[in-house]
N, C-alpha and C. Protein backbone atom coordinates (compact mmCIF):
# COMPACT_ATOMS: atom_id res chain seq x y z
N MET A 1 0.86 -1.21 0.00
CA MET A 1 -0.02 0.03 0.00
C MET A 1 0.87 1.26 -0.01
N LYS A 2 0.51 2.21 -0.79
CA LYS A 2 1.23 3.46 -0.90
C LYS A 2 1.08 4.27 0.40
N THR A 3 2.03 5.11 0.66
CA THR A 3 1.91 6.03 1.80
C THR A 3 2.09 7.42 1.33
N MET A 4 1.59 8.33 2.20
CA MET A 4 1.70 9.77 1.86
C MET A 4 2.40 10.47 3.04
N ASN A 5 3.39 11.29 2.69
CA ASN A 5 4.07 11.99 3.76
C ASN A 5 3.38 13.32 3.99
N CYS A 6 3.03 13.68 5.19
CA CYS A 6 2.28 14.90 5.48
C CYS A 6 3.13 16.09 5.73
N GLY A 7 4.51 15.89 5.72
CA GLY A 7 5.36 16.98 5.90
C GLY A 7 5.99 17.16 7.31
N CYS A 8 5.49 16.36 8.24
CA CYS A 8 5.95 16.45 9.62
C CYS A 8 6.86 15.28 9.99
N GLY A 9 7.20 14.46 8.99
CA GLY A 9 8.05 13.29 9.28
C GLY A 9 7.29 12.02 9.38
N CYS A 10 5.95 12.08 9.59
CA CYS A 10 5.15 10.87 9.68
C CYS A 10 4.62 10.56 8.30
N SER A 11 4.00 9.40 8.12
CA SER A 11 3.40 9.03 6.90
C SER A 11 2.02 8.39 7.17
N ARG A 12 1.16 8.47 6.14
CA ARG A 12 -0.15 7.85 6.33
C ARG A 12 -0.54 7.18 5.05
N THR A 13 -1.52 6.27 5.15
CA THR A 13 -1.90 5.46 3.97
C THR A 13 -2.71 6.37 3.02
N ASP A 14 -2.99 5.81 1.83
CA ASP A 14 -3.70 6.56 0.78
C ASP A 14 -5.01 7.10 1.35
N LEU A 15 -5.37 8.24 0.77
CA LEU A 15 -6.70 8.87 1.21
C LEU A 15 -7.80 7.95 0.72
N PRO A 16 -8.97 7.99 1.41
CA PRO A 16 -10.05 7.01 1.15
C PRO A 16 -10.64 7.13 -0.24
N TRP A 17 -10.49 8.26 -0.89
CA TRP A 17 -11.09 8.40 -2.26
C TRP A 17 -10.08 8.08 -3.38
N GLU A 18 -8.91 7.60 -3.05
CA GLU A 18 -7.90 7.24 -4.00
C GLU A 18 -8.44 6.30 -5.07
N GLY A 19 -8.32 6.66 -6.35
CA GLY A 19 -8.73 5.74 -7.41
C GLY A 19 -10.18 5.81 -7.75
N ARG A 20 -10.99 6.68 -7.08
CA ARG A 20 -12.37 6.74 -7.36
C ARG A 20 -12.67 7.72 -8.49
N GLY A 21 -13.93 7.91 -8.78
CA GLY A 21 -14.38 8.80 -9.84
C GLY A 21 -15.48 8.12 -10.64
N THR A 22 -16.23 8.86 -11.38
CA THR A 22 -17.32 8.30 -12.16
C THR A 22 -17.49 9.07 -13.49
N LYS A 23 -17.87 8.36 -14.50
CA LYS A 23 -18.24 8.99 -15.78
C LYS A 23 -19.72 8.97 -16.06
N LEU A 24 -20.45 8.57 -14.98
CA LEU A 24 -21.94 8.48 -15.11
C LEU A 24 -22.51 9.95 -14.95
N ASP A 25 -23.74 10.09 -15.42
CA ASP A 25 -24.41 11.39 -15.34
C ASP A 25 -25.04 11.59 -14.01
N ILE A 26 -24.21 11.69 -12.97
CA ILE A 26 -24.69 11.83 -11.59
C ILE A 26 -24.48 13.24 -11.13
N SER A 27 -25.55 13.91 -10.76
CA SER A 27 -25.47 15.22 -10.07
C SER A 27 -25.96 14.97 -8.62
N GLY A 28 -25.56 15.85 -7.76
CA GLY A 28 -25.94 15.72 -6.39
C GLY A 28 -26.19 17.05 -5.68
N CYS A 29 -26.98 17.02 -4.69
CA CYS A 29 -27.16 18.23 -3.86
C CYS A 29 -27.27 17.76 -2.38
N ARG A 30 -26.43 18.33 -1.58
CA ARG A 30 -26.47 18.14 -0.13
C ARG A 30 -26.95 19.42 0.52
N PHE A 31 -27.96 19.30 1.41
CA PHE A 31 -28.57 20.51 1.93
C PHE A 31 -29.06 20.25 3.35
N SER A 32 -29.27 21.41 4.06
CA SER A 32 -29.89 21.41 5.40
C SER A 32 -30.94 22.45 5.43
N LEU A 33 -32.09 22.14 6.01
CA LEU A 33 -33.27 23.07 6.01
C LEU A 33 -33.42 23.56 7.49
N TYR A 34 -33.60 24.86 7.60
CA TYR A 34 -33.69 25.48 8.96
C TYR A 34 -34.93 26.34 9.11
N PRO A 35 -36.08 25.76 9.49
CA PRO A 35 -37.20 26.63 9.84
C PRO A 35 -37.02 27.26 11.20
N MET A 36 -37.14 28.56 11.27
CA MET A 36 -36.88 29.24 12.59
C MET A 36 -38.17 29.35 13.41
N THR A 37 -38.58 28.18 13.92
CA THR A 37 -39.83 28.13 14.66
C THR A 37 -39.72 26.97 15.65
N ASN A 38 -40.46 27.09 16.74
CA ASN A 38 -40.46 26.03 17.75
C ASN A 38 -41.04 24.76 17.17
N ASP A 39 -41.80 24.90 16.12
CA ASP A 39 -42.48 23.74 15.43
C ASP A 39 -41.66 23.22 14.29
N PHE A 40 -40.31 23.37 14.37
CA PHE A 40 -39.45 23.05 13.23
C PHE A 40 -39.52 21.58 12.84
N VAL A 41 -39.76 20.72 13.80
CA VAL A 41 -39.79 19.28 13.46
C VAL A 41 -40.94 18.91 12.55
N SER A 42 -42.11 19.46 12.89
CA SER A 42 -43.25 19.16 12.07
C SER A 42 -43.15 19.85 10.65
N VAL A 43 -42.51 20.98 10.62
CA VAL A 43 -42.30 21.70 9.32
C VAL A 43 -41.40 20.80 8.41
N ILE A 44 -40.29 20.34 8.98
CA ILE A 44 -39.37 19.56 8.20
C ILE A 44 -39.97 18.20 7.78
N LEU A 45 -40.53 17.48 8.77
CA LEU A 45 -41.11 16.18 8.46
C LEU A 45 -42.28 16.30 7.53
N GLY A 46 -43.13 17.36 7.70
CA GLY A 46 -44.21 17.57 6.81
C GLY A 46 -43.79 17.82 5.39
N ALA A 47 -42.71 18.57 5.16
CA ALA A 47 -42.19 18.86 3.88
C ALA A 47 -41.63 17.57 3.24
N LEU A 48 -40.94 16.79 4.06
CA LEU A 48 -40.40 15.56 3.57
C LEU A 48 -41.53 14.57 3.10
N GLU A 49 -42.58 14.56 3.85
CA GLU A 49 -43.73 13.70 3.52
C GLU A 49 -44.34 14.10 2.20
N LYS A 50 -44.46 15.39 1.98
CA LYS A 50 -45.08 15.90 0.74
C LYS A 50 -44.18 15.80 -0.46
N THR A 51 -42.90 15.74 -0.29
CA THR A 51 -41.95 15.78 -1.40
C THR A 51 -41.73 14.38 -1.96
N ASP A 52 -41.89 14.25 -3.26
CA ASP A 52 -41.69 12.97 -3.96
C ASP A 52 -40.24 12.77 -4.29
N THR A 53 -39.59 11.82 -3.67
CA THR A 53 -38.16 11.60 -3.92
C THR A 53 -37.95 10.29 -4.68
N SER A 54 -39.01 9.83 -5.37
CA SER A 54 -38.92 8.57 -6.09
C SER A 54 -37.89 8.62 -7.23
N ALA A 55 -37.56 9.82 -7.70
CA ALA A 55 -36.70 9.90 -8.89
C ALA A 55 -35.25 10.13 -8.50
N VAL A 56 -34.90 10.20 -7.21
CA VAL A 56 -33.57 10.44 -6.75
C VAL A 56 -33.19 9.40 -5.71
N TRP A 57 -31.90 9.18 -5.56
CA TRP A 57 -31.38 8.43 -4.41
C TRP A 57 -31.25 9.43 -3.27
N SER A 58 -31.76 9.12 -2.10
CA SER A 58 -31.71 10.08 -0.99
C SER A 58 -31.24 9.44 0.27
N GLN A 59 -30.65 10.26 1.11
CA GLN A 59 -30.16 9.83 2.42
C GLN A 59 -30.15 11.02 3.39
N SER A 60 -30.65 10.84 4.54
CA SER A 60 -30.62 11.91 5.59
C SER A 60 -29.89 11.43 6.79
N ASP A 61 -29.23 12.39 7.46
CA ASP A 61 -28.62 12.10 8.76
C ASP A 61 -28.82 13.29 9.67
N ALA A 62 -28.13 13.34 10.79
CA ALA A 62 -28.35 14.42 11.75
C ALA A 62 -27.92 15.78 11.24
N LEU A 63 -27.10 15.84 10.23
CA LEU A 63 -26.57 17.06 9.74
C LEU A 63 -27.22 17.58 8.43
N SER A 64 -27.57 16.66 7.55
CA SER A 64 -28.02 17.10 6.24
C SER A 64 -28.72 15.98 5.53
N THR A 65 -29.27 16.32 4.31
CA THR A 65 -29.85 15.37 3.39
C THR A 65 -29.15 15.50 2.05
N VAL A 66 -29.01 14.40 1.39
CA VAL A 66 -28.38 14.43 0.01
C VAL A 66 -29.33 13.73 -0.92
N TYR A 67 -29.46 14.34 -2.15
CA TYR A 67 -30.17 13.76 -3.25
C TYR A 67 -29.20 13.53 -4.39
N ARG A 68 -29.23 12.39 -5.05
CA ARG A 68 -28.31 12.07 -6.13
C ARG A 68 -29.03 11.41 -7.31
N GLY A 69 -28.70 11.85 -8.52
CA GLY A 69 -29.30 11.28 -9.71
C GLY A 69 -29.13 12.23 -10.85
N LYS A 70 -30.11 12.26 -11.75
CA LYS A 70 -30.10 13.22 -12.86
C LYS A 70 -30.41 14.61 -12.32
N LEU A 71 -29.74 15.61 -12.87
CA LEU A 71 -29.83 16.99 -12.38
C LEU A 71 -31.30 17.46 -12.27
N SER A 72 -32.07 17.22 -13.30
CA SER A 72 -33.45 17.79 -13.32
C SER A 72 -34.27 17.20 -12.16
N TYR A 73 -34.06 15.94 -11.84
CA TYR A 73 -34.80 15.34 -10.77
C TYR A 73 -34.26 15.77 -9.37
N VAL A 74 -32.94 15.90 -9.27
CA VAL A 74 -32.34 16.38 -8.03
C VAL A 74 -32.85 17.78 -7.74
N ALA A 75 -32.82 18.69 -8.75
CA ALA A 75 -33.25 20.08 -8.54
C ALA A 75 -34.72 20.11 -8.22
N ASP A 76 -35.52 19.27 -8.84
CA ASP A 76 -36.95 19.16 -8.61
C ASP A 76 -37.27 18.78 -7.13
N ALA A 77 -36.52 17.85 -6.59
CA ALA A 77 -36.73 17.36 -5.26
C ALA A 77 -36.33 18.45 -4.22
N VAL A 78 -35.20 19.15 -4.45
CA VAL A 78 -34.77 20.17 -3.56
C VAL A 78 -35.79 21.32 -3.56
N ARG A 79 -36.24 21.71 -4.77
CA ARG A 79 -37.26 22.73 -4.88
C ARG A 79 -38.54 22.31 -4.18
N GLY A 80 -38.92 21.06 -4.37
CA GLY A 80 -40.13 20.54 -3.74
C GLY A 80 -40.14 20.65 -2.20
N ILE A 81 -39.03 20.26 -1.59
CA ILE A 81 -39.00 20.27 -0.13
C ILE A 81 -38.96 21.71 0.41
N PHE A 82 -38.29 22.61 -0.33
CA PHE A 82 -38.24 24.01 0.13
C PHE A 82 -39.61 24.66 0.01
N VAL A 83 -40.32 24.48 -1.13
CA VAL A 83 -41.63 25.03 -1.30
C VAL A 83 -42.65 24.46 -0.32
N HIS A 84 -42.60 23.13 -0.15
CA HIS A 84 -43.50 22.49 0.80
C HIS A 84 -43.28 22.94 2.25
N ALA A 85 -42.06 23.30 2.58
CA ALA A 85 -41.72 23.71 3.95
C ALA A 85 -42.10 25.21 4.21
N TRP A 86 -42.28 25.96 3.18
CA TRP A 86 -42.54 27.39 3.32
C TRP A 86 -43.79 27.70 4.11
N ARG A 87 -43.72 28.62 5.00
CA ARG A 87 -44.86 29.13 5.74
C ARG A 87 -44.77 30.66 5.69
N SER A 88 -45.92 31.31 5.53
CA SER A 88 -45.91 32.78 5.30
C SER A 88 -45.43 33.57 6.51
N ASP A 89 -45.46 32.93 7.70
CA ASP A 89 -45.06 33.62 8.94
C ASP A 89 -43.79 33.05 9.58
N VAL A 90 -43.02 32.24 8.85
CA VAL A 90 -41.87 31.58 9.42
C VAL A 90 -40.59 31.95 8.64
N HIS A 91 -39.63 32.50 9.34
CA HIS A 91 -38.32 32.66 8.74
C HIS A 91 -37.66 31.35 8.53
N MET A 92 -37.19 31.06 7.35
CA MET A 92 -36.62 29.75 7.04
C MET A 92 -35.44 29.94 6.09
N ALA A 93 -34.46 29.11 6.26
CA ALA A 93 -33.30 29.10 5.40
C ALA A 93 -32.97 27.68 4.95
N LEU A 94 -32.42 27.56 3.76
CA LEU A 94 -31.89 26.31 3.24
C LEU A 94 -30.45 26.53 2.74
N GLU A 95 -29.59 25.74 3.34
CA GLU A 95 -28.14 25.80 2.96
C GLU A 95 -27.81 24.60 2.15
N GLY A 96 -27.26 24.77 0.97
CA GLY A 96 -26.97 23.59 0.15
C GLY A 96 -25.85 23.80 -0.85
N GLN A 97 -25.53 22.68 -1.48
CA GLN A 97 -24.57 22.78 -2.59
C GLN A 97 -24.86 21.68 -3.65
N PHE A 98 -24.93 22.14 -4.88
CA PHE A 98 -24.95 21.26 -6.04
C PHE A 98 -23.55 20.94 -6.47
N SER A 99 -23.34 19.74 -6.93
CA SER A 99 -22.06 19.37 -7.42
C SER A 99 -22.09 18.26 -8.44
N LYS A 100 -21.14 18.24 -9.33
CA LYS A 100 -21.01 17.16 -10.34
C LYS A 100 -19.56 17.11 -10.75
N GLY A 101 -19.12 15.88 -10.99
CA GLY A 101 -17.79 15.62 -11.54
C GLY A 101 -16.65 15.50 -10.56
N CYS A 102 -16.97 15.37 -9.28
CA CYS A 102 -15.87 15.26 -8.33
C CYS A 102 -15.03 14.02 -8.57
N PRO A 103 -13.73 14.13 -8.59
CA PRO A 103 -12.89 12.92 -8.81
C PRO A 103 -13.03 11.84 -7.72
N GLY A 104 -13.57 12.29 -6.57
CA GLY A 104 -13.77 11.34 -5.47
C GLY A 104 -15.16 10.75 -5.45
N ASP A 105 -15.98 11.04 -6.49
CA ASP A 105 -17.34 10.42 -6.53
C ASP A 105 -17.30 8.98 -6.88
N THR A 106 -18.42 8.30 -6.80
CA THR A 106 -18.54 6.87 -7.13
C THR A 106 -19.74 6.67 -8.02
N ASP A 107 -19.82 5.48 -8.65
CA ASP A 107 -20.91 5.16 -9.48
C ASP A 107 -22.19 4.76 -8.74
N GLY A 108 -22.01 4.45 -7.44
CA GLY A 108 -23.12 3.96 -6.65
C GLY A 108 -23.93 5.07 -6.04
N ASP A 109 -24.93 4.66 -5.26
CA ASP A 109 -25.81 5.61 -4.52
C ASP A 109 -26.40 6.64 -5.47
N SER A 110 -26.99 6.22 -6.52
CA SER A 110 -27.65 7.16 -7.43
C SER A 110 -28.80 6.43 -8.15
N LEU A 111 -29.70 7.25 -8.69
CA LEU A 111 -30.85 6.72 -9.45
C LEU A 111 -30.81 7.42 -10.77
N LEU A 112 -30.59 6.70 -11.85
CA LEU A 112 -30.42 7.32 -13.17
C LEU A 112 -31.38 6.81 -14.23
N GLY A 113 -32.23 5.89 -13.92
CA GLY A 113 -33.10 5.32 -14.94
C GLY A 113 -34.43 6.02 -15.15
N ARG A 114 -34.71 7.01 -14.37
CA ARG A 114 -36.04 7.71 -14.47
C ARG A 114 -36.11 8.53 -15.75
N GLU A 115 -37.29 8.48 -16.41
CA GLU A 115 -37.47 9.27 -17.65
C GLU A 115 -38.83 10.03 -17.61
N GLU A 116 -39.63 9.83 -16.54
CA GLU A 116 -40.93 10.45 -16.46
C GLU A 116 -40.86 11.94 -16.17
N PRO A 117 -41.98 12.66 -16.32
CA PRO A 117 -41.98 14.08 -15.94
C PRO A 117 -41.55 14.34 -14.49
N LEU A 118 -41.15 15.55 -14.21
CA LEU A 118 -40.76 15.89 -12.87
C LEU A 118 -41.88 15.63 -11.89
N PRO A 119 -41.66 14.90 -10.84
CA PRO A 119 -42.73 14.50 -9.94
C PRO A 119 -43.26 15.57 -9.02
N ASN A 120 -42.46 16.55 -8.70
CA ASN A 120 -42.91 17.57 -7.72
C ASN A 120 -43.48 18.84 -8.32
N MET A 121 -43.12 19.20 -9.56
CA MET A 121 -43.60 20.40 -10.13
C MET A 121 -45.09 20.64 -10.21
N PRO A 122 -45.88 19.56 -10.53
CA PRO A 122 -47.31 19.76 -10.61
C PRO A 122 -47.94 20.26 -9.27
N GLY A 123 -47.36 19.87 -8.18
CA GLY A 123 -47.93 20.25 -6.91
C GLY A 123 -47.46 21.60 -6.33
N ILE A 124 -46.39 22.12 -6.94
CA ILE A 124 -45.79 23.36 -6.38
C ILE A 124 -45.73 24.49 -7.37
N LYS A 125 -46.02 24.30 -8.64
CA LYS A 125 -45.73 25.30 -9.71
C LYS A 125 -46.58 26.53 -9.48
N ASP A 126 -47.76 26.43 -8.81
CA ASP A 126 -48.60 27.60 -8.62
C ASP A 126 -48.38 28.30 -7.25
N LYS A 127 -47.37 27.85 -6.55
CA LYS A 127 -47.07 28.48 -5.24
C LYS A 127 -45.87 29.39 -5.39
N HIS A 128 -46.11 30.70 -5.13
CA HIS A 128 -45.10 31.73 -5.38
C HIS A 128 -44.83 32.52 -4.11
N PHE A 129 -43.60 32.86 -3.88
CA PHE A 129 -43.18 33.75 -2.77
C PHE A 129 -41.77 34.22 -3.05
N PRO A 130 -41.41 35.42 -2.51
CA PRO A 130 -40.06 35.94 -2.78
C PRO A 130 -38.99 35.23 -1.94
N VAL A 131 -37.80 35.16 -2.56
CA VAL A 131 -36.70 34.46 -1.92
C VAL A 131 -35.45 35.33 -2.07
N LEU A 132 -34.70 35.39 -1.00
CA LEU A 132 -33.31 35.94 -1.05
C LEU A 132 -32.36 34.79 -1.18
N CYS A 133 -31.31 34.99 -1.96
CA CYS A 133 -30.32 33.88 -2.19
C CYS A 133 -28.94 34.48 -2.26
N LYS A 134 -27.98 33.82 -1.64
CA LYS A 134 -26.59 34.07 -1.93
C LYS A 134 -25.97 32.85 -2.46
N LEU A 135 -25.03 33.00 -3.40
CA LEU A 135 -24.41 31.81 -3.99
C LEU A 135 -22.96 32.07 -4.27
N ALA A 136 -22.21 30.98 -4.32
CA ALA A 136 -20.79 31.05 -4.64
C ALA A 136 -20.51 29.85 -5.57
N LEU A 137 -19.96 30.13 -6.72
CA LEU A 137 -19.73 29.12 -7.75
C LEU A 137 -18.22 28.84 -7.78
N TYR A 138 -17.92 27.52 -7.84
CA TYR A 138 -16.52 27.08 -7.90
C TYR A 138 -16.34 26.15 -9.07
N PRO A 139 -15.96 26.79 -10.29
CA PRO A 139 -15.64 25.90 -11.44
C PRO A 139 -14.26 25.29 -11.26
N MET A 140 -14.17 24.00 -11.18
CA MET A 140 -12.91 23.35 -10.89
C MET A 140 -12.19 22.90 -12.17
N SER A 141 -10.91 22.72 -12.06
CA SER A 141 -10.05 22.19 -13.16
C SER A 141 -10.09 23.05 -14.40
N THR A 142 -10.12 24.35 -14.20
CA THR A 142 -10.08 25.26 -15.33
C THR A 142 -9.34 26.54 -14.95
N GLU A 143 -8.47 26.98 -15.81
CA GLU A 143 -7.72 28.22 -15.51
C GLU A 143 -8.55 29.46 -15.68
N ASN A 144 -9.66 29.35 -16.47
CA ASN A 144 -10.45 30.54 -16.76
C ASN A 144 -11.74 30.53 -15.88
N TYR A 145 -11.56 30.24 -14.60
CA TYR A 145 -12.74 30.12 -13.71
C TYR A 145 -13.48 31.42 -13.60
N ILE A 146 -12.77 32.57 -13.64
CA ILE A 146 -13.46 33.80 -13.42
C ILE A 146 -14.33 34.09 -14.61
N ASP A 147 -13.98 33.63 -15.81
CA ASP A 147 -14.83 33.81 -16.95
C ASP A 147 -16.14 33.03 -16.83
N GLU A 148 -16.03 31.86 -16.22
CA GLU A 148 -17.22 31.06 -15.98
C GLU A 148 -18.16 31.73 -14.95
N ILE A 149 -17.56 32.34 -13.97
CA ILE A 149 -18.33 33.02 -12.96
C ILE A 149 -19.03 34.25 -13.56
N ALA A 150 -18.29 34.94 -14.46
CA ALA A 150 -18.87 36.06 -15.14
C ALA A 150 -20.11 35.72 -15.94
N LYS A 151 -20.06 34.56 -16.58
CA LYS A 151 -21.16 34.04 -17.41
C LYS A 151 -22.44 33.90 -16.50
N VAL A 152 -22.31 33.32 -15.32
CA VAL A 152 -23.48 33.13 -14.49
C VAL A 152 -24.01 34.47 -13.90
N TRP A 153 -23.09 35.39 -13.68
CA TRP A 153 -23.51 36.72 -13.26
C TRP A 153 -24.43 37.32 -14.32
N ARG A 154 -23.98 37.26 -15.60
CA ARG A 154 -24.82 37.84 -16.68
C ARG A 154 -26.14 37.06 -16.81
N MET A 155 -26.13 35.74 -16.54
CA MET A 155 -27.36 34.98 -16.54
C MET A 155 -28.34 35.52 -15.49
N ALA A 156 -27.83 35.88 -14.34
CA ALA A 156 -28.68 36.37 -13.27
C ALA A 156 -29.32 37.72 -13.67
N GLU A 157 -28.48 38.58 -14.33
CA GLU A 157 -28.99 39.81 -14.80
C GLU A 157 -30.12 39.61 -15.83
N GLU A 158 -29.85 38.71 -16.82
CA GLU A 158 -30.87 38.44 -17.83
C GLU A 158 -32.12 37.85 -17.25
N ALA A 159 -32.03 37.13 -16.16
CA ALA A 159 -33.21 36.56 -15.51
C ALA A 159 -33.95 37.51 -14.61
N GLY A 160 -33.42 38.75 -14.47
CA GLY A 160 -34.09 39.71 -13.67
C GLY A 160 -33.95 39.47 -12.17
N LEU A 161 -32.83 38.84 -11.77
CA LEU A 161 -32.69 38.45 -10.39
C LEU A 161 -31.78 39.42 -9.61
N ASN A 162 -31.47 40.58 -10.23
CA ASN A 162 -30.73 41.68 -9.59
C ASN A 162 -29.49 41.25 -8.84
N PRO A 163 -28.55 40.68 -9.50
CA PRO A 163 -27.31 40.21 -8.80
C PRO A 163 -26.56 41.37 -8.20
N VAL A 164 -26.06 41.13 -7.03
CA VAL A 164 -25.22 42.07 -6.27
C VAL A 164 -23.94 41.34 -5.79
N SER A 165 -22.79 41.94 -6.01
CA SER A 165 -21.58 41.35 -5.53
C SER A 165 -21.41 41.67 -4.06
N ILE A 166 -21.26 40.63 -3.25
CA ILE A 166 -20.98 40.80 -1.80
C ILE A 166 -19.67 40.02 -1.51
N HIS A 167 -19.12 40.27 -0.35
CA HIS A 167 -17.87 39.57 -0.06
C HIS A 167 -18.04 38.07 -0.14
N TYR A 168 -17.26 37.40 -0.99
CA TYR A 168 -17.16 36.01 -1.16
C TYR A 168 -18.41 35.32 -1.74
N ALA A 169 -19.31 36.11 -2.24
CA ALA A 169 -20.56 35.52 -2.82
C ALA A 169 -21.25 36.53 -3.73
N THR A 170 -22.29 36.06 -4.37
CA THR A 170 -23.19 36.95 -5.15
C THR A 170 -24.58 36.72 -4.51
N ARG A 171 -25.26 37.87 -4.47
CA ARG A 171 -26.65 37.89 -3.89
C ARG A 171 -27.62 38.09 -4.99
N ILE A 172 -28.70 37.32 -4.98
CA ILE A 172 -29.84 37.51 -5.97
C ILE A 172 -31.14 37.47 -5.19
N CYS A 173 -32.18 37.89 -5.86
CA CYS A 173 -33.53 37.83 -5.25
C CYS A 173 -34.55 37.66 -6.33
N GLY A 174 -35.68 37.04 -6.01
CA GLY A 174 -36.72 36.87 -6.95
C GLY A 174 -37.73 35.82 -6.51
N ASP A 175 -38.69 35.50 -7.35
CA ASP A 175 -39.71 34.51 -7.08
C ASP A 175 -38.99 33.15 -6.85
N VAL A 176 -39.49 32.32 -6.00
CA VAL A 176 -38.88 31.03 -5.68
C VAL A 176 -38.59 30.20 -6.90
N HIS A 177 -39.50 30.18 -7.91
CA HIS A 177 -39.28 29.37 -9.07
C HIS A 177 -38.20 30.01 -9.99
N ALA A 178 -38.21 31.29 -10.07
CA ALA A 178 -37.21 31.99 -10.86
C ALA A 178 -35.80 31.69 -10.31
N VAL A 179 -35.69 31.66 -8.97
CA VAL A 179 -34.40 31.37 -8.34
C VAL A 179 -33.97 29.96 -8.57
N PHE A 180 -34.88 29.01 -8.40
CA PHE A 180 -34.53 27.62 -8.63
C PHE A 180 -34.23 27.32 -10.12
N ASP A 181 -35.00 27.97 -11.00
CA ASP A 181 -34.69 27.80 -12.43
C ASP A 181 -33.28 28.31 -12.72
N TYR A 182 -32.89 29.38 -12.08
CA TYR A 182 -31.57 29.96 -12.35
C TYR A 182 -30.46 29.01 -11.78
N LEU A 183 -30.66 28.49 -10.56
CA LEU A 183 -29.67 27.64 -10.01
C LEU A 183 -29.47 26.37 -10.87
N GLU A 184 -30.53 25.83 -11.40
CA GLU A 184 -30.44 24.70 -12.29
C GLU A 184 -29.76 25.08 -13.60
N SER A 185 -30.02 26.26 -14.07
CA SER A 185 -29.39 26.68 -15.34
C SER A 185 -27.90 26.88 -15.13
N VAL A 186 -27.46 27.37 -14.01
CA VAL A 186 -26.02 27.48 -13.68
C VAL A 186 -25.40 26.13 -13.71
N CYS A 187 -26.04 25.17 -13.07
CA CYS A 187 -25.49 23.79 -13.08
C CYS A 187 -25.39 23.28 -14.49
N ARG A 188 -26.36 23.47 -15.34
CA ARG A 188 -26.33 22.96 -16.69
C ARG A 188 -25.22 23.64 -17.51
N LEU A 189 -25.01 24.93 -17.32
CA LEU A 189 -23.91 25.61 -17.99
C LEU A 189 -22.61 25.03 -17.56
N MET A 190 -22.41 24.77 -16.24
CA MET A 190 -21.15 24.23 -15.77
C MET A 190 -20.95 22.84 -16.30
N GLU A 191 -21.98 22.02 -16.49
CA GLU A 191 -21.80 20.73 -17.05
C GLU A 191 -21.15 20.73 -18.44
N GLN A 192 -21.46 21.84 -19.15
CA GLN A 192 -20.98 21.98 -20.50
C GLN A 192 -19.58 22.61 -20.51
N SER A 193 -19.21 23.28 -19.41
CA SER A 193 -17.98 24.11 -19.44
C SER A 193 -16.78 23.53 -18.72
N VAL A 194 -17.04 22.87 -17.59
CA VAL A 194 -15.99 22.35 -16.79
C VAL A 194 -16.19 20.90 -16.32
N PRO A 195 -15.14 20.19 -15.99
CA PRO A 195 -15.32 18.82 -15.62
C PRO A 195 -15.85 18.63 -14.22
N HIS A 196 -15.72 19.61 -13.39
CA HIS A 196 -16.16 19.52 -12.00
C HIS A 196 -16.54 20.90 -11.50
N TYR A 197 -17.70 20.97 -10.86
CA TYR A 197 -18.14 22.30 -10.32
C TYR A 197 -18.77 22.07 -8.96
N ILE A 198 -18.82 23.12 -8.18
CA ILE A 198 -19.54 23.16 -6.90
C ILE A 198 -20.30 24.49 -6.90
N LEU A 199 -21.59 24.43 -6.67
CA LEU A 199 -22.39 25.65 -6.51
C LEU A 199 -23.05 25.64 -5.11
N HIS A 200 -22.44 26.49 -4.27
CA HIS A 200 -22.90 26.63 -2.88
C HIS A 200 -23.92 27.76 -2.81
N PHE A 201 -25.05 27.49 -2.13
CA PHE A 201 -26.11 28.50 -2.08
C PHE A 201 -26.83 28.49 -0.78
N THR A 202 -27.41 29.65 -0.41
CA THR A 202 -28.24 29.80 0.77
C THR A 202 -29.51 30.48 0.34
N LEU A 203 -30.66 29.94 0.65
CA LEU A 203 -31.97 30.51 0.38
C LEU A 203 -32.55 30.98 1.69
N SER A 204 -33.23 32.12 1.66
CA SER A 204 -33.84 32.68 2.88
C SER A 204 -35.26 33.25 2.51
N VAL A 205 -36.22 32.97 3.37
CA VAL A 205 -37.56 33.58 3.20
C VAL A 205 -37.94 34.21 4.54
N ASN A 206 -38.75 35.27 4.46
CA ASN A 206 -39.35 35.87 5.64
C ASN A 206 -38.28 36.34 6.64
N SER A 207 -37.19 36.86 6.12
CA SER A 207 -36.10 37.35 6.98
C SER A 207 -36.62 38.46 7.86
N PRO A 208 -36.26 38.51 9.13
CA PRO A 208 -36.66 39.62 9.99
C PRO A 208 -36.08 40.97 9.65
N THR A 209 -35.10 41.00 8.74
CA THR A 209 -34.58 42.26 8.27
C THR A 209 -35.52 42.92 7.26
N ASN A 210 -36.56 42.18 6.81
CA ASN A 210 -37.59 42.75 5.90
C ASN A 210 -37.03 43.27 4.62
N GLU A 211 -35.96 42.63 4.13
CA GLU A 211 -35.41 43.05 2.83
C GLU A 211 -36.17 42.37 1.69
N GLU A 212 -36.28 43.05 0.60
CA GLU A 212 -36.98 42.54 -0.56
C GLU A 212 -36.01 42.34 -1.75
């Protein structure tokens, strides 16, 4: 077994993702939902119950939930749980990241055979509310990463999401479906542009700062 020297004189065995990777069309999103209410358990469990996850591989633990599969179905499931969890009088945030192409990924833990229409959109498409969002895009394995980031900035402008540059992120705002459509569009652009990307985002509704 190979060893790796960490620089302090000791050595350790290969990292656990050594030799992994996948060429399959697997996208993923890991996220955590935070309803700011004493009734947060029923909000989260109620949203999970209403969200159809039959088109994705899913797993939850004490820290987060992950959905894996085709991008359209992954994005649909994340959108579904956020819309189903929304309450007009509850401040809520969702912290998540979309990713595809990680060299440490595997072929397993995914659902790729689904071809039917998006399962959650019919039940949520007519539900609208404003969302604040900050996002940070990390196009990996490319020297021209800033050009890729510039592309998604212009996409936000064209979508009417009023992008604003803030320290270490970009801030956008708009209807919940416009924001999710944009996040999925960013992922699709990155699929065509770079071998590996990470899109980190935070969604917020009903913030006590009353920003629009």
